[in-house]
Amino acid sequence: MGIIIKPIVTEKMTMITEKRPNRFGFRVSPSANKLEIKKAVEAIYNVSVVDVNTMRYSGKRKSRYTKSGVISGRQVSYKKAIVTLKEGEVIDFFSNI
């Protein structure tokens, strides 16, 4: 399994990228540390990383009511990394489409 699972392209992350054009978010492996994340982003996207901030999100309990009764479950816990690139560098997630 790789270090970087997928880039985060949400409204909130897009607003952060518009305010600071050199910041991007990634969903990463929970066991990855900041140095491994930095090396992985530099290798995949050919950019130079200045800073990496990480956050852990715990899975939430969810339940819904159906005809057959209450169905309960749990969301997956994950780790998120906000990567700051060198000034002037940018990652284009939509270039392959």
Protein backbone atom coordinates (compact mmCIF):
# COMPACT_ATOMS: atom_id res chain seq x y z
CA MET A 1 0.00 0.00 0.00
CA GLY A 2 1.32 3.44 -0.91
CA ILE A 3 1.80 6.42 1.35
CA ILE A 4 -0.57 8.73 -0.55
CA ILE A 5 -4.06 7.30 -0.98
CA LYS A 6 -5.73 10.14 -2.90
CA PRO A 7 -5.78 13.94 -3.19
CA ILE A 8 -8.56 15.78 -1.37
CA VAL A 9 -10.65 17.87 -3.73
CA THR A 10 -13.50 19.29 -1.65
CA GLU A 11 -15.03 22.76 -1.33
CA LYS A 12 -13.15 23.43 1.89
CA MET A 13 -9.80 22.34 0.45
CA THR A 14 -10.45 24.36 -2.71
CA MET A 15 -11.04 27.48 -0.60
CA ILE A 16 -7.74 26.90 1.21
CA THR A 17 -5.93 26.47 -2.12
CA GLU A 18 -7.48 29.70 -3.45
CA LYS A 19 -6.30 31.66 -0.41
CA ARG A 20 -2.84 30.07 -0.44
CA PRO A 21 -2.12 28.70 -3.92
CA ASN A 22 0.80 26.55 -2.78
CA ARG A 23 -1.18 24.33 -0.32
CA PHE A 24 -2.74 20.99 -1.23
CA GLY A 25 -4.46 18.25 0.73
CA PHE A 26 -3.98 14.50 0.55
CA ARG A 27 -5.50 11.51 2.28
CA VAL A 28 -2.53 9.45 3.45
CA SER A 29 -1.79 6.14 5.14
CA PRO A 30 -2.40 6.31 8.92
CA SER A 31 1.07 4.92 9.63
CA ALA A 32 2.90 7.47 7.44
CA ASN A 33 5.01 10.18 9.04
CA LYS A 34 5.76 13.67 7.69
CA LEU A 35 9.09 12.76 6.09
CA GLU A 36 7.56 9.82 4.19
CA ILE A 37 4.68 12.02 3.00
CA LYS A 38 7.13 14.70 1.83
CA LYS A 39 9.22 12.19 -0.15
CA ALA A 40 6.13 10.59 -1.70
CA VAL A 41 4.64 13.91 -2.89
CA GLU A 42 7.99 15.04 -4.30
CA ALA A 43 8.41 11.74 -6.16
CA ILE A 44 4.88 11.58 -7.60
CA TYR A 45 4.33 15.23 -8.61
CA ASN A 46 7.94 16.42 -9.18
CA VAL A 47 7.64 19.42 -6.85
CA SER A 48 9.60 20.58 -3.83
CA VAL A 49 7.74 20.41 -0.51
CA VAL A 50 8.44 23.04 2.15
CA ASP A 51 6.12 21.93 4.98
CA VAL A 52 3.75 19.07 5.87
CA ASN A 53 0.94 19.29 8.43
CA THR A 54 -0.95 16.13 9.40
CA MET A 55 -4.31 15.51 11.07
CA ARG A 56 -5.95 12.32 12.30
CA TYR A 57 -9.71 11.91 11.98
CA SER A 58 -11.48 9.25 14.01
CA GLY A 59 -14.42 7.37 12.53
CA LYS A 60 -17.85 8.51 13.64
CA ARG A 61 -20.76 6.30 14.60
CA LYS A 62 -23.66 6.56 12.16
CA SER A 63 -27.16 5.11 12.34
CA ARG A 64 -30.26 5.37 10.20
CA TYR A 65 -33.81 4.20 10.53
CA THR A 66 -35.23 1.87 7.88
CA LYS A 67 -38.31 -0.32 7.48
CA SER A 68 -36.43 -3.29 8.89
CA GLY A 69 -35.17 -1.36 11.92
CA VAL A 70 -32.15 0.65 12.94
CA ILE A 71 -28.95 0.09 10.96
CA SER A 72 -25.84 1.26 12.75
CA GLY A 73 -22.29 1.44 11.50
CA ARG A 74 -19.09 3.38 11.64
CA GLN A 75 -17.25 5.68 9.25
CA VAL A 76 -13.62 4.88 8.49
CA SER A 77 -10.92 6.73 10.42
CA TYR A 78 -8.21 8.33 8.28
CA LYS A 79 -5.22 10.66 8.23
CA LYS A 80 -5.05 13.88 6.22
CA ALA A 81 -1.94 15.82 5.19
CA ILE A 82 -1.78 19.47 4.11
CA VAL A 83 1.34 19.94 1.98
CA THR A 84 2.90 23.37 1.41
CA LEU A 85 4.93 23.67 -1.79
CA LYS A 86 7.73 26.04 -2.72
CA GLU A 87 6.56 29.44 -4.00
CA GLY A 88 5.49 29.35 -7.63
CA GLU A 89 5.02 25.58 -7.84
CA VAL A 90 1.59 24.06 -8.34
CA ILE A 91 0.00 20.61 -8.66
CA ASP A 92 -2.68 20.17 -11.35
CA PHE A 93 -4.96 17.28 -10.35
CA PHE A 94 -7.15 17.63 -13.44
CA SER A 95 -4.48 17.49 -16.14
CA ASN A 96 -5.12 13.77 -16.86
CA ILE A 97 -8.85 14.15 -17.54
